[in-house]
Protein backbone atom coordinates (compact mmCIF):
# COMPACT_ATOMS: atom_id res chain seq x y z
CA UNK A 1 -17.54 -13.15 26.28
CA UNK A 2 -17.78 -10.39 23.68
CA UNK A 3 -14.49 -9.44 21.84
CA UNK A 4 -12.65 -12.50 20.45
CA UNK A 5 -9.20 -12.15 22.43
CA UNK A 6 -5.73 -13.16 21.51
CA UNK A 7 -4.13 -15.22 24.47
CA UNK A 8 -0.49 -15.76 24.35
CA UNK A 9 1.14 -18.41 26.62
CA UNK A 10 4.86 -18.45 27.02
CA UNK A 11 7.41 -20.17 28.79
CA UNK A 12 10.24 -22.63 28.99
CA UNK A 13 10.43 -26.24 27.63
CA UNK A 14 7.96 -28.74 29.55
CA UNK A 15 6.33 -25.81 31.77
CA UNK A 16 2.96 -27.42 30.78
CA UNK A 17 1.97 -24.71 28.14
CA UNK A 18 0.69 -26.68 25.30
CA UNK A 19 -1.40 -29.00 27.89
CA UNK A 20 -2.86 -25.70 29.53
CA UNK A 21 -3.45 -23.89 26.30
CA UNK A 22 -5.36 -26.52 24.91
CA UNK A 23 -7.74 -26.71 27.74
CA UNK A 24 -7.97 -23.17 28.05
CA UNK A 25 -8.94 -22.84 24.18
CA UNK A 26 -11.60 -25.50 24.69
CA UNK A 27 -12.98 -23.63 27.57
CA UNK A 28 -13.37 -20.57 25.53
CA UNK A 29 -14.25 -22.25 22.30
CA UNK A 30 -11.28 -20.58 20.67
CA UNK A 31 -8.62 -21.84 18.20
CA UNK A 32 -5.73 -23.53 19.94
CA UNK A 33 -2.30 -22.96 17.81
CA UNK A 34 0.56 -24.96 18.86
CA UNK A 35 3.66 -23.11 17.68
CA UNK A 36 5.94 -25.44 19.10
CA UNK A 37 4.71 -28.14 16.67
CA UNK A 38 5.31 -25.97 13.86
CA UNK A 39 9.00 -25.56 14.80
CA UNK A 40 9.14 -29.38 15.44
CA UNK A 41 7.64 -29.87 11.99
CA UNK A 42 10.46 -27.65 10.26
CA UNK A 43 12.85 -29.53 12.35
CA UNK A 44 11.66 -32.97 11.22
CA UNK A 45 11.91 -31.78 7.53
CA UNK A 46 15.42 -30.57 7.99
CA UNK A 47 16.63 -33.84 9.46
CA UNK A 48 14.51 -35.88 6.97
CA UNK A 49 16.31 -33.76 4.05
CA UNK A 50 19.64 -34.30 5.60
CA UNK A 51 20.18 -30.57 5.95
CA UNK A 52 22.86 -28.95 8.46
CA UNK A 53 20.46 -27.56 11.21
CA UNK A 54 22.38 -24.34 11.66
CA UNK A 55 22.64 -23.68 7.83
CA UNK A 56 20.13 -20.80 7.57
CA UNK A 57 20.32 -20.62 3.82
CA UNK A 58 19.67 -24.45 3.21
CA UNK A 59 16.83 -24.33 5.68
CA UNK A 60 15.22 -21.52 3.97
CA UNK A 61 15.25 -23.35 0.51
CA UNK A 62 13.00 -26.14 1.95
CA UNK A 63 10.65 -23.75 3.58
CA UNK A 64 8.60 -22.88 0.60
CA UNK A 65 8.09 -26.36 -0.19
CA UNK A 66 6.74 -27.46 3.45
CA UNK A 67 3.05 -27.32 4.19
CA UNK A 68 2.33 -27.61 7.94
CA UNK A 69 -1.06 -28.71 8.63
CA UNK A 70 -2.93 -29.63 11.85
CA UNK A 71 -6.01 -31.96 11.55
CA UNK A 72 -8.18 -32.52 14.74
CA UNK A 73 -8.98 -36.21 15.82
CA UNK A 74 -10.54 -38.21 18.85
CA UNK A 75 -6.80 -38.64 20.17
CA UNK A 76 -5.78 -35.35 19.81
CA UNK A 77 -4.16 -32.88 17.18
CA UNK A 78 -2.64 -34.62 14.39
CA UNK A 79 0.25 -32.86 12.68
CA UNK A 80 1.35 -33.47 8.90
CA UNK A 81 4.13 -31.91 6.83
CA UNK A 82 2.76 -31.97 3.21
CA UNK A 83 1.24 -35.41 3.21
CA UNK A 84 3.27 -36.96 5.98
CA UNK A 85 2.00 -37.36 9.42
CA UNK A 86 4.57 -36.62 11.79
CA UNK A 87 2.39 -36.37 14.82
CA UNK A 88 4.59 -38.98 16.90
CA UNK A 89 8.02 -38.22 15.04
CA UNK A 90 8.30 -34.54 16.29
CA UNK A 91 8.01 -35.53 19.77
CA UNK A 92 10.96 -37.85 19.73
CA UNK A 93 14.18 -37.04 21.45
CA UNK A 94 16.07 -36.12 18.23
CA UNK A 95 13.56 -33.52 17.48
CA UNK A 96 13.29 -32.16 20.95
CA UNK A 97 17.01 -31.78 21.49
CA UNK A 98 17.57 -30.09 17.89
CA UNK A 99 14.24 -27.94 17.72
CA UNK A 100 16.23 -25.05 19.65
CA UNK A 101 18.94 -24.95 16.83
CA UNK A 102 16.52 -24.78 13.93
CA UNK A 103 13.95 -22.18 15.73
CA UNK A 104 17.05 -19.91 15.92
CA UNK A 105 17.40 -19.56 12.28
CA UNK A 106 16.39 -16.37 10.97
CA UNK A 107 14.38 -17.48 8.07
CA UNK A 108 12.52 -20.06 10.09
CA UNK A 109 11.37 -17.54 12.75
CA UNK A 110 10.41 -15.22 10.03
CA UNK A 111 8.41 -17.77 7.93
CA UNK A 112 6.64 -19.28 11.06
CA UNK A 113 6.11 -15.75 12.64
CA UNK A 114 4.41 -14.58 9.52
CA UNK A 115 2.02 -17.77 9.46
CA UNK A 116 1.22 -17.57 13.09
CA UNK A 117 0.32 -13.83 12.70
CA UNK A 118 -2.17 -14.75 10.01
CA UNK A 119 -3.83 -17.47 11.94
CA UNK A 120 -4.14 -15.09 14.86
CA UNK A 121 -5.47 -11.79 12.99
CA UNK A 122 -8.95 -12.31 13.82
CA UNK A 123 -8.63 -13.17 17.48
CA UNK A 124 -10.32 -15.96 19.16
CA UNK A 125 -7.34 -17.89 19.61
CA UNK A 126 -5.08 -19.33 22.39
CA UNK A 127 -1.49 -19.46 21.10
CA UNK A 128 1.66 -20.84 23.02
CA UNK A 129 5.42 -20.95 22.38
CA UNK A 130 8.53 -18.75 23.54
CA UNK A 131 8.02 -15.57 22.09
CA UNK A 132 4.19 -15.23 21.42
CA UNK A 133 3.80 -12.06 23.81
CA UNK A 134 7.13 -10.48 22.68
CA UNK A 135 7.31 -11.07 19.04
CA UNK A 136 4.39 -13.12 17.39
CA UNK A 137 1.55 -11.10 19.25
CA UNK A 138 3.23 -8.08 21.03
CA UNK A 139 -0.55 -6.64 21.19
CA UNK A 140 -2.23 -9.78 22.70
CA UNK A 141 -5.01 -8.94 25.19
CA UNK A 142 -3.75 -11.35 27.70
CA UNK A 143 0.00 -12.79 28.22
CA UNK A 144 0.97 -15.37 30.44
CA UNK A 145 4.27 -16.50 31.24
CA UNK A 146 4.26 -19.90 32.70
CA UNK A 147 7.37 -21.39 34.50
CA UNK A 148 8.47 -24.19 36.79
CA UNK A 149 11.73 -25.56 38.25
CA UNK A 150 13.86 -27.76 36.11
CA UNK A 151 13.37 -30.65 38.29
CA UNK A 152 9.59 -30.43 37.90
CA UNK A 153 9.86 -29.97 34.04
CA UNK A 154 12.06 -32.92 33.60
CA UNK A 155 9.80 -35.06 35.89
CA UNK A 156 7.16 -34.05 33.58
CA UNK A 157 9.00 -35.00 30.55
CA UNK A 158 10.10 -38.28 31.78
CA UNK A 159 6.29 -39.19 32.71
CA UNK A 160 5.29 -38.34 29.15
CA UNK A 161 8.26 -40.38 27.99
CA UNK A 162 7.54 -43.17 29.75
CA UNK A 163 3.95 -43.50 28.36
CA UNK A 164 5.37 -43.14 24.65
CA UNK A 165 7.78 -46.16 25.51
CA UNK A 166 10.82 -43.83 25.73
CA UNK A 167 13.53 -44.62 28.31
CA UNK A 168 15.50 -41.67 29.07
CA UNK A 169 17.11 -41.13 32.51
CA UNK A 170 15.81 -38.40 34.57
CA UNK A 171 19.09 -36.95 35.20
CA UNK A 172 19.81 -36.78 31.25
CA UNK A 173 16.25 -35.00 31.03
CA UNK A 174 17.39 -32.45 33.48
CA UNK A 175 20.60 -31.69 31.37
CA UNK A 176 18.73 -31.37 28.40
CA UNK A 177 16.10 -29.10 29.63
CA UNK A 178 18.78 -27.05 30.89
CA UNK A 179 20.32 -26.77 27.78
CA UNK A 180 17.50 -26.08 25.78
CA UNK A 181 16.67 -22.99 28.31
CA UNK A 182 20.24 -21.90 27.64
CA UNK A 183 19.84 -21.97 23.83
CA UNK A 184 16.11 -20.68 23.85
CA UNK A 185 17.19 -17.58 26.43
CA UNK A 186 20.38 -16.64 24.48
CA UNK A 187 19.50 -16.79 20.72
CA UNK A 188 19.79 -13.65 18.79
CA UNK A 189 16.44 -13.75 17.22
CA UNK A 190 13.40 -13.57 19.45
CA UNK A 191 14.76 -15.01 22.60
CA UNK A 192 12.81 -16.72 25.41
CA UNK A 193 11.93 -13.75 27.88
CA UNK A 194 9.05 -12.75 29.87
CA UNK A 195 6.87 -10.01 28.24
CA UNK A 196 6.87 -6.68 30.33
CA UNK A 197 3.13 -6.91 30.49
CA UNK A 198 2.78 -10.62 31.12
CA UNK A 199 1.64 -12.45 34.26
CA UNK A 200 3.87 -14.90 35.49
CA UNK A 201 2.79 -17.98 36.74
CA UNK A 202 5.06 -20.55 38.66
CA UNK A 203 3.41 -23.87 37.78
CA UNK A 204 5.95 -26.12 39.97
CA UNK A 205 3.48 -27.06 42.52
CA UNK A 206 0.18 -26.54 40.95
CA UNK A 207 -1.92 -29.04 39.29
CA UNK A 208 -3.21 -28.70 35.47
CA UNK A 209 -6.66 -27.97 36.67
CA UNK A 210 -5.21 -24.97 39.03
CA UNK A 211 -3.18 -23.40 36.32
CA UNK A 212 -5.96 -23.59 33.72
CA UNK A 213 -8.55 -21.95 36.75
CA UNK A 214 -6.00 -19.01 37.38
CA UNK A 215 -5.66 -18.28 33.53
CA UNK A 216 -9.26 -18.36 33.25
CA UNK A 217 -9.56 -15.87 36.09
CA UNK A 218 -6.95 -13.69 34.32
CA UNK A 219 -9.06 -13.70 31.22
CA UNK A 220 -12.39 -13.18 32.67
CA UNK A 221 -10.86 -9.88 34.40
CA UNK A 222 -9.38 -8.72 31.11
CA UNK A 223 -12.73 -9.53 29.22
């Protein structure tokens, strides 16, 4: 494959974006950028500092002192905020249930969008999130919008939580995902929406391997 492409993968919570994006990046030998982990890291920092999560001015004040770093490891990507590893903490329910509020703040979106655009500038990247194809990389070479039913996404989150030792009833997870969808789709800044030139993939009844295969075929056609 000649030109180094920008691949944008968007979609709602627990649609399988991160898992698929990592595998696609590996197949292409591209960089993988987990933008969701960036928003979770800022959310962790705000909670850690006791900041009101919808107070844009207060959150903006801490952004200049936050250094988000990804470190590859045999167990997967490790995430650090300054020198503190937050890999496990940012996947806890407290973060999952508050990240949409933090992500809706103007200062946070500007700060992270600028950072993500710098990372993707030279191409050779697979980036997943909510607004990659619409705001972060509007000129991306390939845009995918992954969707799945709420029930399926809640079941996926339930299985992930069980593996982590987190016991949350499936019905509660369904309500939480519906609420995240509402927040992400109705926020004023960069709402969750399918880019007009994105290819939509419904992953409800597909395996991870099938989704990756479909995306690779889309990329190969583009290349």
